[in-house]
Amino acid sequence: MKKEKIRIGCGAGFSGDRIEPALVLAEQGELDYLVLECLAERTIALAQKRKLQDASKGYDPLLEKRIKSLLPLLVKNQIKLITNMGAANPLAAAQKVIEIAQELQLPIKVAAVTGDDATQWVKNSSTHFTILENGQALNDYEVISINAYMGVEGILEALEYDAQIIITGRVSDPSLFLAPMIHEFGWQIDDFDLLGKGTVIGHLLECAGHITGGYFAEPIMKPIEGLENLGHPFADIYADGSAVISKVKGTGGKITLQTAKEQLLYEVINPHEYYTPDVIADFTTVKLEEIGENQIWVTGGTGKTKPSTYKASVGYKAFYLGEGEISYAGFNAVGRAKLAGEILSQRLKPQFEAFRIDYIGLNSIFREEFSAKMKVEESYLPEVRLRVSGKATTAHEASLIGEEVEALYTNGPAAGGGVRKNVNEVIGIVSILIDRNLLKANVDILSA
């Protein structure tokens, strides 16, 4: 029997998000579904890197912590969980959830949705792929991962199997929310008007604390109370594609027209054509109405078709980043920091393709020209932190930067302290398009 209304909560908007808001939603939100959106372009590339080092890994590092906390509440309150915490290894993530469920002696059915990993397929293909961002050939890159943005298909299949926890890899963010709408309301997969409306709702929910005032907040112009206890949103969604977005009473933050509008436009380049794997949605007819405290009624939005291609995120080995930092404080702190910067520039700059010096607190964000317009009086700054960084082709080369910064302890200028040095292999991200007919979602069902 198809439902007329469902309630979906968003408990996480990125991999490192807090766990407490999801627990509050699961315990007090009276949800039908809880979504944890924990994947981004760089996140999945790093997950692929971890999987290369250990085939049993590659899922979200916080998966175990989240599931151990949430699972008893999900079972108790009969809430279905949909999450992309599977990252580069959804099947291993599902197996870990089963292991946790067995430890807690909780019966559960888990679905792993795969099919988005196109790495080997693309590498073995004779097709010429062009990078969307710069027009270069994909063959020019040292690729470590290629993951396509899949749509609702795999999740829908998992819901048909009545899985209580669905773990995906790279699925488009709104699709995580759209799939249960299609399943529960009986929407047709080619009813693009309804799919567009559902995508609008998913987009409004997907960043969690964004719409409840977190990223919106600014203490003078846009004050938001209770950020230390920020609640995450849920939506009462109706079969006609309308919804009321709210949050659990007593939690911090605020949902207003302003917070909703900011999230509606977030990452939207063309509101007439918002591309997802499920629909090309049109946001220009969306209407938002404040119908009560922390209650926004969402109507409108539509769609016209779905793309013939999947966008795929390509992770590649870009470079090694060498960094070093040191602080100067007291009289003429900026002067001493700049002298240190000049010393390091003379010793290091010729050895690096790209070399950068920042004076944190003075020009690390706005750079020299803007800082000058702000008329910053350097002599009055009581402290400054020097950061030196450079790109290298090897970790050994990159380590030279931190070593030279550390050498300032005794080689001058005076009174530097708090050195930090770091070498990091940077994974770059670019995009390609793949014919959607060449990839298919797969679903594995596991039971505890």
Protein backbone atom coordinates (compact mmCIF):
# COMPACT_ATOMS: atom_id res chain seq x y z
CA MET A 1 0.00 0.00 0.00
CA LYS A 2 1.44 3.33 -1.07
CA LYS A 3 1.83 6.06 1.52
CA GLU A 4 0.63 9.65 1.35
CA LYS A 5 3.39 11.03 3.60
CA ILE A 6 6.85 9.97 4.77
CA ARG A 7 9.41 11.61 7.02
CA ILE A 8 13.10 11.65 6.05
CA GLY A 9 15.84 13.08 8.24
CA CYS A 10 19.38 14.01 7.28
CA GLY A 11 21.84 13.05 10.02
CA ALA A 12 25.10 13.98 8.29
CA GLY A 13 26.09 16.35 5.51
CA PHE A 14 29.70 15.24 5.03
CA SER A 15 32.14 12.57 6.15
CA GLY A 16 33.41 14.40 9.22
CA ASP A 17 30.03 15.60 10.45
CA ARG A 18 28.96 15.23 14.08
CA ILE A 19 27.23 12.05 15.16
CA GLU A 20 24.95 13.52 17.85
CA PRO A 21 22.39 15.17 15.49
CA ALA A 22 21.76 11.82 13.82
CA LEU A 23 21.18 10.21 17.20
CA VAL A 24 18.68 12.92 18.11
CA LEU A 25 16.83 12.41 14.83
CA ALA A 26 16.76 8.63 15.28
CA GLU A 27 15.58 8.87 18.87
CA GLN A 28 13.16 11.80 18.74
CA GLY A 29 12.46 12.55 15.09
CA GLU A 30 9.76 9.92 14.47
CA LEU A 31 11.43 9.17 11.14
CA ASP A 32 10.68 6.66 8.43
CA TYR A 33 14.13 7.12 6.90
CA LEU A 34 17.45 8.51 8.05
CA VAL A 35 20.02 9.55 5.45
CA LEU A 36 23.71 10.03 6.17
CA GLU A 37 25.30 11.87 3.25
CA CYS A 38 29.04 11.41 3.82
CA LEU A 39 30.73 11.43 0.43
CA ALA A 40 32.41 14.02 -1.76
CA GLU A 41 34.79 13.99 -4.71
CA ARG A 42 37.97 14.11 -2.66
CA THR A 43 36.50 11.80 -0.01
CA ILE A 44 35.97 8.92 -2.40
CA ALA A 45 39.39 9.35 -4.01
CA LEU A 46 41.01 9.09 -0.59
CA ALA A 47 38.82 6.06 0.15
CA GLN A 48 40.08 4.42 -3.04
CA LYS A 49 43.62 5.14 -1.87
CA ARG A 50 42.92 3.37 1.45
CA LYS A 51 41.38 0.43 -0.40
CA LEU A 52 44.52 0.06 -2.52
CA GLN A 53 46.52 -0.26 0.69
CA ASP A 54 44.03 -2.67 2.33
CA ALA A 55 41.33 -4.44 0.30
CA SER A 56 39.13 -4.76 3.42
CA LYS A 57 38.99 -0.98 3.84
CA GLY A 58 37.84 1.90 1.66
CA TYR A 59 34.60 2.71 3.45
CA ASP A 60 33.99 5.78 5.62
CA PRO A 61 36.36 5.93 8.61
CA LEU A 62 33.47 6.81 10.94
CA LEU A 63 31.21 3.99 9.74
CA GLU A 64 31.76 1.75 12.75
CA LYS A 65 31.35 4.57 15.27
CA ARG A 66 28.14 5.80 13.65
CA ILE A 67 26.58 2.35 13.23
CA LYS A 68 27.37 1.20 16.79
CA SER A 69 25.59 4.28 18.13
CA LEU A 70 22.70 4.34 15.70
CA LEU A 71 21.83 0.70 15.17
CA PRO A 72 19.90 0.11 18.43
CA LEU A 73 17.79 3.22 17.76
CA LEU A 74 17.18 2.28 14.13
CA VAL A 75 15.94 -1.17 15.11
CA LYS A 76 13.90 0.09 18.06
CA ASN A 77 12.13 2.82 16.08
CA GLN A 78 11.92 0.88 12.79
CA ILE A 79 13.87 3.47 10.80
CA LYS A 80 15.55 2.62 7.52
CA LEU A 81 19.02 4.01 7.00
CA ILE A 82 20.36 5.07 3.59
CA THR A 83 23.96 6.19 3.39
CA ASN A 84 26.86 6.51 0.97
CA MET A 85 29.39 5.65 3.70
CA GLY A 86 30.33 2.65 1.59
CA ALA A 87 32.54 5.05 -0.38
CA ALA A 88 35.04 2.91 -2.34
CA ASN A 89 33.98 -0.38 -0.74
CA PRO A 90 30.23 -0.68 0.00
CA LEU A 91 30.33 -4.46 0.30
CA ALA A 92 33.04 -4.37 2.99
CA ALA A 93 31.03 -1.64 4.74
CA ALA A 94 27.91 -3.84 4.70
CA GLN A 95 29.88 -6.77 6.08
CA LYS A 96 31.16 -4.55 8.89
CA VAL A 97 27.60 -3.48 9.72
CA ILE A 98 26.56 -7.15 9.89
CA GLU A 99 29.48 -7.81 12.22
CA ILE A 100 28.39 -4.95 14.50
CA ALA A 101 24.75 -6.14 14.43
CA GLN A 102 25.83 -9.62 15.46
CA GLU A 103 27.88 -8.19 18.35
CA LEU A 104 24.82 -6.21 19.49
CA GLN A 105 22.55 -9.20 18.83
CA LEU A 106 20.28 -7.15 16.61
CA PRO A 107 18.61 -8.77 13.57
CA ILE A 108 19.13 -6.62 10.49
CA LYS A 109 19.09 -6.86 6.69
CA VAL A 110 21.77 -4.83 4.93
CA ALA A 111 22.09 -4.02 1.24
CA ALA A 112 25.34 -3.03 -0.46
CA VAL A 113 24.83 -1.03 -3.66
CA THR A 114 27.80 -1.12 -6.04
CA GLY A 115 28.41 -0.48 -9.73
CA ASP A 116 29.70 3.08 -9.55
CA ASP A 117 33.40 2.11 -9.60
CA ALA A 118 34.37 2.49 -13.26
CA THR A 119 38.13 2.53 -12.72
CA GLN A 120 39.09 -0.71 -14.43
CA TRP A 121 36.40 -0.40 -17.08
CA VAL A 122 37.70 3.00 -18.18
CA LYS A 123 41.35 1.94 -18.01
CA ASN A 124 40.61 -1.08 -20.22
CA SER A 125 38.42 0.87 -22.63
CA SER A 126 39.59 2.09 -26.02
CA THR A 127 37.31 5.12 -25.67
CA HIS A 128 39.02 8.51 -25.60
CA PHE A 129 37.91 10.40 -22.48
CA THR A 130 38.29 14.15 -22.19
CA ILE A 131 38.56 16.00 -18.89
CA LEU A 132 35.57 18.31 -18.48
CA GLU A 133 37.46 20.97 -16.58
CA ASN A 134 40.32 21.55 -19.02
CA GLY A 135 39.82 19.54 -22.22
CA GLN A 136 42.92 17.42 -21.64
CA ALA A 137 43.07 13.68 -22.29
CA LEU A 138 42.42 11.37 -19.36
CA ASN A 139 45.46 9.32 -20.43
CA ASP A 140 47.68 12.23 -19.33
CA TYR A 141 46.78 11.57 -15.68
CA GLU A 142 48.00 8.94 -13.22
CA VAL A 143 44.52 7.76 -12.28
CA ILE A 144 43.79 5.98 -9.00
CA SER A 145 39.97 6.01 -9.06
CA ILE A 146 36.98 6.69 -11.30
CA ASN A 147 33.54 6.68 -9.68
CA ALA A 148 30.34 7.54 -11.52
CA TYR A 149 27.51 9.46 -9.87
CA MET A 150 24.79 6.80 -9.90
CA GLY A 151 21.10 7.46 -9.39
CA VAL A 152 18.21 5.83 -7.53
CA GLU A 153 18.13 2.45 -9.30
CA GLY A 154 20.28 0.44 -6.89
CA ILE A 155 18.62 1.93 -3.82
CA LEU A 156 15.18 1.18 -5.22
CA GLU A 157 16.14 -2.44 -5.74
CA ALA A 158 17.45 -2.63 -2.17
CA LEU A 159 14.17 -1.17 -0.87
CA GLU A 160 12.25 -3.82 -2.81
CA TYR A 161 14.27 -6.40 -0.87
CA ASP A 162 13.12 -4.61 2.31
CA ALA A 163 16.67 -3.85 3.40
CA GLN A 164 16.78 -1.87 6.64
CA ILE A 165 20.22 -0.44 6.02
CA ILE A 166 21.33 0.51 2.49
CA ILE A 167 24.98 1.34 1.93
CA THR A 168 26.07 2.81 -1.38
CA GLY A 169 29.20 4.06 -3.02
CA ARG A 170 29.12 7.17 -5.20
CA VAL A 171 25.44 8.00 -5.55
CA SER A 172 24.25 11.49 -6.34
CA ASP A 173 23.39 13.28 -3.09
CA PRO A 174 19.70 14.03 -3.87
CA SER A 175 19.22 10.43 -5.05
CA LEU A 176 19.68 9.18 -1.49
CA PHE A 177 16.49 11.05 -0.57
CA LEU A 178 14.63 10.68 -3.87
CA ALA A 179 14.74 6.86 -3.86
CA PRO A 180 12.52 6.38 -0.78
CA MET A 181 10.03 8.90 -2.20
CA ILE A 182 9.76 6.92 -5.43
CA HIS A 183 9.47 3.67 -3.48
CA GLU A 184 6.89 4.79 -0.94
CA PHE A 185 4.70 6.92 -3.22
CA GLY A 186 4.84 4.68 -6.27
CA TRP A 187 6.19 7.42 -8.51
CA GLN A 188 7.11 6.34 -12.02
CA ILE A 189 10.80 6.48 -12.84
CA ASP A 190 10.04 8.64 -15.90
CA ASP A 191 7.66 11.07 -14.16
CA PHE A 192 10.23 13.83 -14.37
CA ASP A 193 7.91 16.45 -12.90
CA LEU A 194 7.72 14.53 -9.61
CA LEU A 195 11.38 13.50 -9.76
CA GLY A 196 12.30 17.17 -10.12
CA LYS A 197 10.24 18.06 -7.05
CA GLY A 198 11.78 15.22 -5.06
CA THR A 199 15.26 16.31 -6.14
CA VAL A 200 14.56 19.81 -4.82
CA ILE A 201 13.67 18.34 -1.42
CA GLY A 202 16.73 16.09 -1.43
CA HIS A 203 18.94 19.03 -2.31
CA LEU A 204 17.51 21.10 0.54
CA LEU A 205 18.18 18.29 3.03
CA GLU A 206 21.51 16.90 1.82
CA CYS A 207 23.88 19.30 3.60
CA ALA A 208 22.26 18.73 7.01
CA GLY A 209 23.32 21.66 9.22
CA HIS A 210 23.41 24.10 6.31
CA ILE A 211 19.65 24.56 6.26
CA THR A 212 19.35 24.69 10.06
CA GLY A 213 21.63 27.72 10.20
CA GLY A 214 25.09 26.26 10.68
CA TYR A 215 27.00 27.50 7.65
CA PHE A 216 24.53 30.38 7.38
CA ALA A 217 25.46 31.87 10.75
CA GLU A 218 27.34 35.17 11.16
CA PRO A 219 27.32 36.76 14.61
CA ILE A 220 26.46 40.33 13.55
CA MET A 221 24.41 40.16 10.34
CA LYS A 222 22.89 36.67 10.62
CA PRO A 223 22.94 35.54 14.25
CA ILE A 224 21.84 31.97 14.98
CA GLU A 225 21.40 30.69 18.52
CA GLY A 226 22.31 27.28 19.85
CA LEU A 227 25.03 26.38 17.35
CA GLU A 228 26.73 24.26 20.01
CA ASN A 229 23.67 22.00 19.86
CA LEU A 230 22.81 22.40 16.19
CA GLY A 231 19.91 20.23 15.09
CA HIS A 232 19.78 18.60 11.68
CA PRO A 233 16.70 18.74 9.44
CA PHE A 234 13.91 16.38 8.61
CA ALA A 235 11.16 16.72 6.01
CA ASP A 236 7.54 15.60 5.98
CA ILE A 237 7.19 14.74 2.30
CA TYR A 238 3.87 14.27 0.54
CA ALA A 239 2.94 12.19 -2.49
CA ASP A 240 2.42 15.31 -4.63
CA GLY A 241 6.09 16.28 -4.18
CA SER A 242 5.58 19.02 -1.59
CA ALA A 243 7.26 18.98 1.79
CA VAL A 244 7.59 20.73 5.13
CA ILE A 245 11.18 20.96 6.38
CA SER A 246 11.71 21.24 10.12
CA LYS A 247 13.93 20.03 12.96
CA VAL A 248 13.54 18.35 16.35
CA LYS A 249 12.20 20.71 19.02
CA GLY A 250 14.77 21.80 21.58
CA THR A 251 17.74 21.51 19.23
CA GLY A 252 19.83 24.53 18.31
CA GLY A 253 19.87 26.43 15.07
CA LYS A 254 17.03 27.83 13.05
CA ILE A 255 15.20 27.07 9.80
CA THR A 256 14.01 30.20 8.03
CA LEU A 257 13.35 31.40 4.51
CA GLN A 258 16.88 32.77 4.47
CA THR A 259 18.58 29.51 5.49
CA ALA A 260 16.42 27.57 3.03
CA LYS A 261 17.17 29.92 0.15
CA GLU A 262 20.90 29.75 0.77
CA GLN A 263 20.81 25.96 0.68
CA LEU A 264 18.53 25.89 -2.37
CA LEU A 265 21.13 27.84 -4.34
CA TYR A 266 24.13 25.97 -2.91
CA GLU A 267 26.23 24.40 -5.70
CA VAL A 268 23.58 25.28 -8.28
CA ILE A 269 25.24 26.77 -11.37
CA ASN A 270 22.13 26.83 -13.57
CA PRO A 271 18.81 26.70 -11.66
CA HIS A 272 16.96 26.01 -14.92
CA GLU A 273 18.93 22.81 -15.45
CA TYR A 274 20.23 21.10 -12.32
CA TYR A 275 21.74 17.86 -13.57
CA THR A 276 21.44 14.66 -11.53
CA PRO A 277 21.53 11.05 -12.79
CA ASP A 278 17.76 10.82 -12.25
CA VAL A 279 16.46 14.06 -13.75
CA ILE A 280 17.48 17.43 -15.12
CA ALA A 281 15.60 19.48 -12.56
CA ASP A 282 14.32 23.03 -12.86
CA PHE A 283 14.54 24.97 -9.59
CA THR A 284 13.12 28.22 -10.94
CA THR A 285 9.52 27.42 -9.99
CA VAL A 286 10.30 26.40 -6.40
CA LYS A 287 8.28 28.23 -3.75
CA LEU A 288 9.31 28.44 -0.10
CA GLU A 289 6.87 29.58 2.58
CA GLU A 290 7.47 29.98 6.29
CA ILE A 291 4.41 28.39 7.89
CA GLY A 292 5.59 28.28 11.50
CA GLU A 293 8.66 28.44 13.68
CA ASN A 294 11.36 26.28 12.04
CA GLN A 295 8.90 25.13 9.39
CA ILE A 296 9.37 25.79 5.67
CA TRP A 297 6.79 24.56 3.19
CA VAL A 298 8.39 23.61 -0.12
CA THR A 299 6.38 23.40 -3.35
CA GLY A 300 7.16 23.59 -7.04
CA GLY A 301 10.14 22.53 -9.05
CA THR A 302 10.00 20.24 -12.03
CA GLY A 303 12.16 18.26 -14.44
CA LYS A 304 12.30 17.40 -18.12
CA THR A 305 14.37 14.25 -18.68
CA LYS A 306 17.47 12.51 -17.38
CA PRO A 307 20.98 12.80 -18.81
CA SER A 308 22.30 10.20 -21.25
CA THR A 309 25.63 10.15 -19.40
CA TYR A 310 26.91 9.75 -15.88
CA LYS A 311 29.34 12.29 -14.55
CA ALA A 312 32.32 10.48 -13.06
CA SER A 313 34.78 11.80 -10.51
CA VAL A 314 38.40 10.95 -11.32
CA GLY A 315 40.99 10.85 -8.56
CA TYR A 316 44.60 11.09 -9.68
CA LYS A 317 48.05 11.45 -8.18
CA ALA A 318 48.68 15.19 -8.39
CA PHE A 319 51.77 16.02 -6.30
CA TYR A 320 53.35 15.93 -2.87
CA LEU A 321 52.77 18.97 -0.69
CA GLY A 322 55.50 19.98 1.72
CA GLU A 323 54.55 22.36 4.53
CA GLY A 324 56.21 24.07 7.45
CA GLU A 325 54.88 26.57 9.99
CA ILE A 326 56.45 28.64 12.74
CA SER A 327 55.07 31.43 14.98
CA TYR A 328 56.54 34.79 15.94
CA ALA A 329 55.13 37.00 18.70
CA GLY A 330 55.89 40.23 20.47
CA PHE A 331 57.70 43.35 19.24
CA ASN A 332 58.17 43.42 15.45
CA ALA A 333 56.66 39.94 15.08
CA VAL A 334 55.76 40.57 11.44
CA GLY A 335 59.22 41.87 10.67
CA ARG A 336 60.88 38.74 12.03
CA ALA A 337 58.37 36.50 10.23
CA LYS A 338 59.05 38.26 6.95
CA LEU A 339 62.79 37.92 7.43
CA ALA A 340 62.28 34.19 8.00
CA GLY A 341 60.18 34.07 4.83
CA GLU A 342 62.92 35.77 2.82
CA ILE A 343 65.52 33.32 4.13
CA LEU A 344 63.38 30.32 3.20
CA SER A 345 62.50 31.78 -0.19
CA GLN A 346 66.16 32.15 -1.07
CA ARG A 347 66.99 28.64 0.11
CA LEU A 348 63.99 26.78 -1.28
CA LYS A 349 62.12 28.58 -4.07
CA PRO A 350 64.44 27.55 -6.94
CA GLN A 351 63.88 23.87 -6.08
CA PHE A 352 60.08 23.86 -6.35
CA GLU A 353 57.64 24.13 -9.23
CA ALA A 354 55.19 26.04 -7.05
CA PHE A 355 56.28 27.74 -3.83
CA ARG A 356 54.18 29.85 -1.49
CA ILE A 357 54.71 31.89 1.65
CA ASP A 358 51.80 32.96 3.86
CA TYR A 359 51.75 35.17 6.92
CA ILE A 360 48.72 33.81 8.73
CA GLY A 361 46.82 36.64 10.37
CA LEU A 362 48.14 39.15 7.87
CA ASN A 363 47.65 37.97 4.28
CA SER A 364 47.08 34.21 4.06
CA ILE A 365 43.50 34.60 2.81
CA PHE A 366 43.28 38.07 1.28
CA ARG A 367 46.90 38.26 0.04
CA GLU A 368 49.04 41.39 -0.19
CA GLU A 369 46.89 43.70 -2.31
CA PHE A 370 43.71 43.38 -0.25
CA SER A 371 45.60 43.56 3.04
CA ALA A 372 47.16 46.82 1.87
CA LYS A 373 43.71 48.25 1.10
CA MET A 374 42.63 47.30 4.61
CA LYS A 375 45.57 49.40 5.86
CA VAL A 376 46.79 46.73 8.21
CA GLU A 377 49.35 48.24 10.58
CA GLU A 378 51.93 45.46 10.71
CA SER A 379 53.81 46.97 13.61
CA TYR A 380 50.74 46.61 15.83
CA LEU A 381 50.14 42.91 15.13
CA PRO A 382 51.21 41.08 18.32
CA GLU A 383 51.65 37.72 16.62
CA VAL A 384 51.88 36.09 13.20
CA ARG A 385 52.38 32.56 11.96
CA LEU A 386 54.59 31.90 8.96
CA ARG A 387 53.51 29.10 6.62
CA VAL A 388 55.72 27.88 3.82
CA SER A 389 54.51 25.35 1.25
CA GLY A 390 55.61 23.89 -2.04
CA LYS A 391 54.67 21.24 -4.61
CA ALA A 392 57.09 18.37 -5.23
CA THR A 393 57.20 15.18 -7.27
CA THR A 394 58.43 13.02 -4.37
CA ALA A 395 57.84 12.87 -0.63
CA HIS A 396 61.58 13.28 -0.05
CA GLU A 397 61.67 16.56 -1.95
CA ALA A 398 58.56 17.82 -0.16
CA SER A 399 60.10 17.08 3.26
CA LEU A 400 62.81 19.68 2.66
CA ILE A 401 60.36 22.49 3.38
CA GLY A 402 59.52 21.34 6.89
CA GLU A 403 63.17 20.62 7.62
CA GLU A 404 64.19 24.15 6.63
CA VAL A 405 61.43 25.69 8.74
CA GLU A 406 62.52 23.65 11.74
CA ALA A 407 66.09 24.82 11.21
CA LEU A 408 64.94 28.39 11.92
CA TYR A 409 64.85 27.48 15.62
CA THR A 410 68.56 28.23 15.94
CA ASN A 411 69.47 29.74 12.57
CA GLY A 412 67.28 32.81 13.08
CA PRO A 413 65.57 35.13 13.14
CA ALA A 414 64.97 35.41 16.87
CA ALA A 415 62.22 33.89 18.98
CA GLY A 416 60.38 31.62 16.58
CA GLY A 417 58.42 28.72 18.05
CA GLY A 418 55.69 26.13 17.59
CA VAL A 419 57.05 24.52 14.45
CA ARG A 420 54.82 22.13 12.55
CA LYS A 421 55.95 20.26 9.47
CA ASN A 422 54.02 17.96 7.17
CA VAL A 423 54.26 16.04 3.91
CA ASN A 424 51.06 14.99 2.17
CA GLU A 425 50.41 13.20 -1.09
CA VAL A 426 47.70 15.28 -2.74
CA ILE A 427 44.98 13.54 -4.72
CA GLY A 428 43.62 15.75 -7.48
CA ILE A 429 40.05 15.60 -8.76
CA VAL A 430 38.76 16.04 -12.32
CA SER A 431 35.64 14.82 -14.13
CA ILE A 432 34.63 12.87 -17.23
CA LEU A 433 31.33 11.72 -18.75
CA ILE A 434 30.45 8.04 -19.23
CA ASP A 435 27.58 6.58 -21.26
CA ARG A 436 25.05 5.58 -18.60
CA ASN A 437 24.14 2.41 -20.47
CA LEU A 438 27.62 1.01 -19.81
CA LEU A 439 27.24 0.96 -16.02
CA LYS A 440 24.68 -0.87 -13.92
CA ALA A 441 23.95 -0.81 -10.21
CA ASN A 442 24.40 -4.10 -8.36
CA VAL A 443 22.81 -5.03 -5.03
CA ASP A 444 24.07 -7.58 -2.49
CA ILE A 445 21.87 -8.52 0.47
CA LEU A 446 23.39 -9.57 3.80
CA SER A 447 21.54 -10.58 6.97
CA ALA A 448 22.48 -10.74 10.63
